[in-house]
Amino acid sequence: MKNLCVFAGSRLGSSPAFSDAARDLVDAVAQRGLGLVYGAGNVGLMNVLAETALERGVRVTGIIPNHLVERDAAHQGLDELLVVDDMLARKALMAERSDAFVAIPGGVGTFDEIFEMLTWAQLGIHDKPCGILNVEGYFDPLRTVIENAQAKGFLADAHGRLLQFETEPNRLLDRLLGTGSTG
C-alpha cells in the first residue's frame, strides 16, 4: 500500500473550509486505497485528518516526538502510533514511511515539514512528490515567495516546480501519484 504523508495544523484555523478540505483530502486518499501518515496529533486539522481517515477505513500511522506525547497531544486511536525522540527523527520516519507529501493549512511546523521534504527532493535525498492543497488561497503568499526566489536567481525553475499547488484534492493526488485508485 502506498502512503500519503499530510502535514497539517494543530489548530483548526479561521475558516470551516480548512476542516472541509482535510476531510475531502482523506476522501481522495480512501478512494485510492492509500494509507495516511501524519504527525499523530489529537488537535486541530491533524485530528480532523485522523478522525476522518479512521471513519473511512483508511490505515493511519501517526509519528510523534516523545515531548508531545508527554503533553497528551498524541491521538490514541490510530492503527499505528510511533513515538520518536525528536522532531528531526519524526520527519525522517515520515519520509521513510511515505510515498508523497502534502501540506494543508497550518503554521510554522507545517511549513517546516513540507520545506524539509522539498529540500530533500531538491538535494536528491528522495524523489517523492511534494504538494500543497491551497485552500481559500492560504498558500498564495508561499507560491509568490517561491516564484520570487526563482526570479531572483536563488531557486532553479526545476526545483521550484518540485512543489505542486492545487486547490482540489483529487487533482493534487492525480498530479502527485497518477490518476485512479490503487486498491
C-alpha atoms as a PDB file:
ATOM      1  CA  MET A   1       0.000   0.000   0.000  1.00  0.00           C
ATOM      2  CA  LYS A   2       1.189   3.490  -0.798  1.00  0.00           C
ATOM      3  CA  ASN A   3       1.113   6.088   1.950  1.00  0.00           C
ATOM      4  CA  LEU A   4       0.437   9.790   1.710  1.00  0.00           C
ATOM      5  CA  CYS A   5       2.034  11.944   4.377  1.00  0.00           C
ATOM      6  CA  VAL A   6      -0.029  15.001   5.243  1.00  0.00           C
ATOM      7  CA  PHE A   7       1.354  17.938   7.193  1.00  0.00           C
ATOM      8  CA  ALA A   8      -1.396  19.927   8.886  1.00  0.00           C
ATOM      9  CA  GLY A   9      -2.066  22.497  11.549  1.00  0.00           C
ATOM     10  CA  SER A  10      -2.508  21.793  15.237  1.00  0.00           C
ATOM     11  CA  ARG A  11      -5.294  24.376  15.114  1.00  0.00           C
ATOM     12  CA  LEU A  12      -8.475  24.451  13.042  1.00  0.00           C
ATOM     13  CA  GLY A  13      -7.857  27.886  11.573  1.00  0.00           C
ATOM     14  CA  SER A  14     -10.339  30.671  10.999  1.00  0.00           C
ATOM     15  CA  SER A  15     -12.474  29.056   8.289  1.00  0.00           C
ATOM     16  CA  PRO A  16     -14.525  25.846   8.254  1.00  0.00           C
ATOM     17  CA  ALA A  17     -13.174  25.382   4.704  1.00  0.00           C
ATOM     18  CA  PHE A  18      -9.882  24.187   6.206  1.00  0.00           C
ATOM     19  CA  SER A  19     -11.542  21.263   8.022  1.00  0.00           C
ATOM     20  CA  ASP A  20     -13.700  20.550   4.974  1.00  0.00           C
ATOM     21  CA  ALA A  21     -10.570  20.375   2.806  1.00  0.00           C
ATOM     22  CA  ALA A  22      -8.889  17.983   5.265  1.00  0.00           C
ATOM     23  CA  ARG A  23     -11.928  15.689   5.062  1.00  0.00           C
ATOM     24  CA  ASP A  24     -12.031  15.971   1.262  1.00  0.00           C
ATOM     25  CA  LEU A  25      -8.345  15.062   1.069  1.00  0.00           C
ATOM     26  CA  VAL A  26      -8.966  11.981   3.209  1.00  0.00           C
ATOM     27  CA  ASP A  27     -11.858  11.015   0.933  1.00  0.00           C
ATOM     28  CA  ALA A  28      -9.477  11.179  -2.046  1.00  0.00           C
ATOM     29  CA  VAL A  29      -6.946   9.093  -0.103  1.00  0.00           C
ATOM     30  CA  ALA A  30      -9.628   6.499   0.706  1.00  0.00           C
ATOM     31  CA  GLN A  31     -10.814   6.336  -2.921  1.00  0.00           C
ATOM     32  CA  ARG A  32      -7.270   5.460  -3.990  1.00  0.00           C
ATOM     33  CA  GLY A  33      -6.722   2.837  -1.296  1.00  0.00           C
ATOM     34  CA  LEU A  34      -3.845   4.794   0.231  1.00  0.00           C
ATOM     35  CA  GLY A  35      -2.704   4.904   3.826  1.00  0.00           C
ATOM     36  CA  LEU A  36      -2.262   8.129   5.783  1.00  0.00           C
ATOM     37  CA  VAL A  37       0.888   9.159   7.621  1.00  0.00           C
ATOM     38  CA  TYR A  38       0.699  12.286   9.759  1.00  0.00           C
ATOM     39  CA  GLY A  39       2.056  13.883  12.920  1.00  0.00           C
ATOM     40  CA  ALA A  40      -0.170  11.883  15.323  1.00  0.00           C
ATOM     41  CA  GLY A  41      -1.783  14.941  16.868  1.00  0.00           C
ATOM     42  CA  ASN A  42      -5.177  14.852  18.551  1.00  0.00           C
ATOM     43  CA  VAL A  43      -5.876  18.548  17.954  1.00  0.00           C
ATOM     44  CA  GLY A  44      -6.684  20.893  15.093  1.00  0.00           C
ATOM     45  CA  LEU A  45      -6.593  19.832  11.463  1.00  0.00           C
ATOM     46  CA  MET A  46      -4.357  16.904  12.407  1.00  0.00           C
ATOM     47  CA  ASN A  47      -7.227  15.478  14.447  1.00  0.00           C
ATOM     48  CA  VAL A  48      -9.712  16.132  11.632  1.00  0.00           C
ATOM     49  CA  LEU A  49      -7.459  14.141   9.288  1.00  0.00           C
ATOM     50  CA  ALA A  50      -7.107  11.222  11.706  1.00  0.00           C
ATOM     51  CA  GLU A  51     -10.755  11.012  12.727  1.00  0.00           C
ATOM     52  CA  THR A  52     -11.959  11.223   9.130  1.00  0.00           C
ATOM     53  CA  ALA A  53      -9.446   8.624   7.976  1.00  0.00           C
ATOM     54  CA  LEU A  54     -10.429   6.207  10.736  1.00  0.00           C
ATOM     55  CA  GLU A  55     -14.125   6.694   9.879  1.00  0.00           C
ATOM     56  CA  ARG A  56     -13.356   5.952   6.205  1.00  0.00           C
ATOM     57  CA  GLY A  57     -11.331   2.826   6.951  1.00  0.00           C
ATOM     58  CA  VAL A  58      -8.007   4.380   5.930  1.00  0.00           C
ATOM     59  CA  ARG A  59      -4.980   2.945   7.704  1.00  0.00           C
ATOM     60  CA  VAL A  60      -3.493   5.742   9.832  1.00  0.00           C
ATOM     61  CA  THR A  61       0.092   5.905  11.022  1.00  0.00           C
ATOM     62  CA  GLY A  62       0.960   8.706  13.407  1.00  0.00           C
ATOM     63  CA  ILE A  63       4.528   9.716  14.181  1.00  0.00           C
ATOM     64  CA  ILE A  64       5.117  11.956  17.169  1.00  0.00           C
ATOM     65  CA  PRO A  65       8.059  13.063  19.305  1.00  0.00           C
ATOM     66  CA  ASN A  66       8.117  11.983  22.928  1.00  0.00           C
ATOM     67  CA  HIS A  67       7.825  15.528  24.305  1.00  0.00           C
ATOM     68  CA  LEU A  68       4.421  15.881  22.621  1.00  0.00           C
ATOM     69  CA  VAL A  69       3.276  12.522  23.986  1.00  0.00           C
ATOM     70  CA  GLU A  70       4.157  13.830  27.445  1.00  0.00           C
ATOM     71  CA  ARG A  71       1.815  16.789  26.775  1.00  0.00           C
ATOM     72  CA  ASP A  72      -1.039  14.343  25.960  1.00  0.00           C
ATOM     73  CA  ALA A  73      -1.057  15.558  22.356  1.00  0.00           C
ATOM     74  CA  ALA A  74      -0.962  12.077  20.743  1.00  0.00           C
ATOM     75  CA  HIS A  75      -4.054  10.559  19.167  1.00  0.00           C
ATOM     76  CA  GLN A  76      -4.558   7.223  20.916  1.00  0.00           C
ATOM     77  CA  GLY A  77      -6.903   5.552  18.408  1.00  0.00           C
ATOM     78  CA  LEU A  78      -4.585   5.177  15.428  1.00  0.00           C
ATOM     79  CA  ASP A  79      -3.714   1.974  13.615  1.00  0.00           C
ATOM     80  CA  GLU A  80      -0.059   2.656  14.397  1.00  0.00           C
ATOM     81  CA  LEU A  81       1.451   5.217  16.769  1.00  0.00           C
ATOM     82  CA  LEU A  82       5.208   5.620  16.549  1.00  0.00           C
ATOM     83  CA  VAL A  83       6.965   7.655  19.228  1.00  0.00           C
ATOM     84  CA  VAL A  84      10.370   9.091  18.365  1.00  0.00           C
ATOM     85  CA  ASP A  85      12.966  11.128  20.248  1.00  0.00           C
ATOM     86  CA  ASP A  86      12.593  14.478  18.490  1.00  0.00           C
ATOM     87  CA  MET A  87      11.218  16.414  15.539  1.00  0.00           C
ATOM     88  CA  LEU A  88      14.141  15.503  13.287  1.00  0.00           C
ATOM     89  CA  ALA A  89      13.534  11.803  13.873  1.00  0.00           C
ATOM     90  CA  ARG A  90       9.828  12.393  13.242  1.00  0.00           C
ATOM     91  CA  LYS A  91      10.462  13.910   9.813  1.00  0.00           C
ATOM     92  CA  ALA A  92      12.959  11.199   8.880  1.00  0.00           C
ATOM     93  CA  LEU A  93      10.488   8.438   9.759  1.00  0.00           C
ATOM     94  CA  MET A  94       7.658  10.231   7.974  1.00  0.00           C
ATOM     95  CA  ALA A  95       9.835  10.400   4.870  1.00  0.00           C
ATOM     96  CA  GLU A  96      10.727   6.725   5.160  1.00  0.00           C
ATOM     97  CA  ARG A  97       7.089   5.635   5.582  1.00  0.00           C
ATOM     98  CA  SER A  98       5.597   7.819   2.832  1.00  0.00           C
ATOM     99  CA  ASP A  99       5.398   7.863  -0.953  1.00  0.00           C
ATOM    100  CA  ALA A 100       4.337  11.508  -1.316  1.00  0.00           C
ATOM    101  CA  PHE A 101       3.895  14.599   0.863  1.00  0.00           C
ATOM    102  CA  VAL A 102       1.084  17.142   1.057  1.00  0.00           C
ATOM    103  CA  ALA A 103       0.725  20.244   3.183  1.00  0.00           C
ATOM    104  CA  ILE A 104      -2.673  21.612   4.082  1.00  0.00           C
ATOM    105  CA  PRO A 105      -3.106  24.833   6.058  1.00  0.00           C
ATOM    106  CA  GLY A 106      -1.084  25.037   9.222  1.00  0.00           C
ATOM    107  CA  GLY A 107       1.548  27.111  10.951  1.00  0.00           C
ATOM    108  CA  VAL A 108       5.304  27.135  11.243  1.00  0.00           C
ATOM    109  CA  GLY A 109       5.533  23.386  11.926  1.00  0.00           C
ATOM    110  CA  THR A 110       3.613  22.617   8.737  1.00  0.00           C
ATOM    111  CA  PHE A 111       5.852  24.971   6.759  1.00  0.00           C
ATOM    112  CA  ASP A 112       8.959  23.378   8.272  1.00  0.00           C
ATOM    113  CA  GLU A 113       7.822  19.860   7.430  1.00  0.00           C
ATOM    114  CA  ILE A 114       6.891  20.458   3.792  1.00  0.00           C
ATOM    115  CA  PHE A 115      10.019  22.541   3.222  1.00  0.00           C
ATOM    116  CA  GLU A 116      12.204  19.800   4.718  1.00  0.00           C
ATOM    117  CA  MET A 117      10.709  17.277   2.267  1.00  0.00           C
ATOM    118  CA  LEU A 118      11.064  19.773  -0.588  1.00  0.00           C
ATOM    119  CA  THR A 119      14.702  20.417   0.340  1.00  0.00           C
ATOM    120  CA  TRP A 120      15.393  16.691   0.455  1.00  0.00           C
ATOM    121  CA  ALA A 121      13.850  16.311  -3.014  1.00  0.00           C
ATOM    122  CA  GLN A 122      15.969  19.193  -4.327  1.00  0.00           C
ATOM    123  CA  LEU A 123      19.107  17.573  -2.885  1.00  0.00           C
ATOM    124  CA  GLY A 124      18.223  14.149  -4.279  1.00  0.00           C
ATOM    125  CA  ILE A 125      17.794  12.540  -0.856  1.00  0.00           C
ATOM    126  CA  HIS A 126      14.430  11.266  -2.077  1.00  0.00           C
ATOM    127  CA  ASP A 127      12.469  11.531  -5.314  1.00  0.00           C
ATOM    128  CA  LYS A 128       8.999  11.622  -3.778  1.00  0.00           C
ATOM    129  CA  PRO A 129       6.497  14.239  -4.922  1.00  0.00           C
ATOM    130  CA  CYS A 130       5.542  17.211  -2.734  1.00  0.00           C
ATOM    131  CA  GLY A 131       2.290  19.113  -2.947  1.00  0.00           C
ATOM    132  CA  ILE A 132       0.240  21.890  -1.454  1.00  0.00           C
ATOM    133  CA  LEU A 133      -3.533  21.803  -1.055  1.00  0.00           C
ATOM    134  CA  ASN A 134      -4.175  25.519  -1.423  1.00  0.00           C
ATOM    135  CA  VAL A 135      -7.424  26.096   0.465  1.00  0.00           C
ATOM    136  CA  GLU A 136      -9.027  29.540   0.095  1.00  0.00           C
ATOM    137  CA  GLY A 137      -5.721  30.965  -1.168  1.00  0.00           C
ATOM    138  CA  TYR A 138      -3.958  30.149   2.099  1.00  0.00           C
ATOM    139  CA  PHE A 139      -0.692  29.271   0.341  1.00  0.00           C
ATOM    140  CA  ASP A 140      -0.800  32.015  -2.322  1.00  0.00           C
ATOM    141  CA  PRO A 141       1.897  34.042  -0.489  1.00  0.00           C
ATOM    142  CA  LEU A 142       4.107  30.948  -0.357  1.00  0.00           C
ATOM    143  CA  ARG A 143       3.737  30.470  -4.092  1.00  0.00           C
ATOM    144  CA  THR A 144       4.746  34.123  -4.531  1.00  0.00           C
ATOM    145  CA  VAL A 145       7.851  33.586  -2.363  1.00  0.00           C
ATOM    146  CA  ILE A 146       8.887  30.585  -4.471  1.00  0.00           C
ATOM    147  CA  GLU A 147       8.322  32.489  -7.713  1.00  0.00           C
ATOM    148  CA  ASN A 148      10.360  35.412  -6.330  1.00  0.00           C
ATOM    149  CA  ALA A 149      13.223  33.064  -5.380  1.00  0.00           C
ATOM    150  CA  GLN A 150      13.182  31.762  -8.954  1.00  0.00           C
ATOM    151  CA  ALA A 151      13.047  35.279 -10.448  1.00  0.00           C
ATOM    152  CA  LYS A 152      15.920  36.473  -8.247  1.00  0.00           C
ATOM    153  CA  GLY A 153      18.125  33.515  -9.159  1.00  0.00           C
ATOM    154  CA  PHE A 154      18.068  31.680  -5.824  1.00  0.00           C
ATOM    155  CA  LEU A 155      15.955  28.737  -6.961  1.00  0.00           C
ATOM    156  CA  ALA A 156      16.249  26.863 -10.233  1.00  0.00           C
ATOM    157  CA  ASP A 157      12.993  26.662 -12.155  1.00  0.00           C
ATOM    158  CA  ALA A 158      13.132  22.864 -11.995  1.00  0.00           C
ATOM    159  CA  HIS A 159      13.398  22.990  -8.205  1.00  0.00           C
ATOM    160  CA  GLY A 160      10.569  25.491  -7.980  1.00  0.00           C
ATOM    161  CA  ARG A 161       8.358  23.042  -9.869  1.00  0.00           C
ATOM    162  CA  LEU A 162       9.023  20.296  -7.304  1.00  0.00           C
ATOM    163  CA  LEU A 163       6.214  21.716  -5.158  1.00  0.00           C
ATOM    164  CA  GLN A 164       2.848  21.170  -6.849  1.00  0.00           C
ATOM    165  CA  PHE A 165      -0.018  23.548  -5.957  1.00  0.00           C
ATOM    166  CA  GLU A 166      -3.663  22.573  -6.383  1.00  0.00           C
ATOM    167  CA  THR A 167      -6.958  23.713  -4.913  1.00  0.00           C
ATOM    168  CA  GLU A 168      -8.766  20.372  -5.225  1.00  0.00           C
ATOM    169  CA  PRO A 169      -7.618  17.149  -3.509  1.00  0.00           C
ATOM    170  CA  ASN A 170      -8.258  14.744  -6.393  1.00  0.00           C
ATOM    171  CA  ARG A 171      -6.364  16.919  -8.878  1.00  0.00           C
ATOM    172  CA  LEU A 172      -3.479  17.207  -6.416  1.00  0.00           C
ATOM    173  CA  LEU A 173      -3.264  13.448  -5.881  1.00  0.00           C
ATOM    174  CA  ASP A 174      -3.557  12.867  -9.639  1.00  0.00           C
ATOM    175  CA  ARG A 175      -0.531  15.125 -10.139  1.00  0.00           C
ATOM    176  CA  LEU A 176       1.469  13.560  -7.308  1.00  0.00           C
ATOM    177  CA  LEU A 177       0.594   9.889  -7.657  1.00  0.00           C
ATOM    178  CA  GLY A 178      -1.098   9.446 -11.007  1.00  0.00           C
ATOM    179  CA  THR A 179      -4.777   9.018 -11.711  1.00  0.00           C
ATOM    180  CA  GLY A 180      -7.194   6.456 -10.348  1.00  0.00           C
ATOM    181  CA  SER A 181      -7.234   4.284  -7.281  1.00  0.00           C
ATOM    182  CA  THR A 182      -4.591   1.809  -6.224  1.00  0.00           C
ATOM    183  CA  GLY A 183      -6.857  -0.582  -4.465  1.00  0.00           C
END
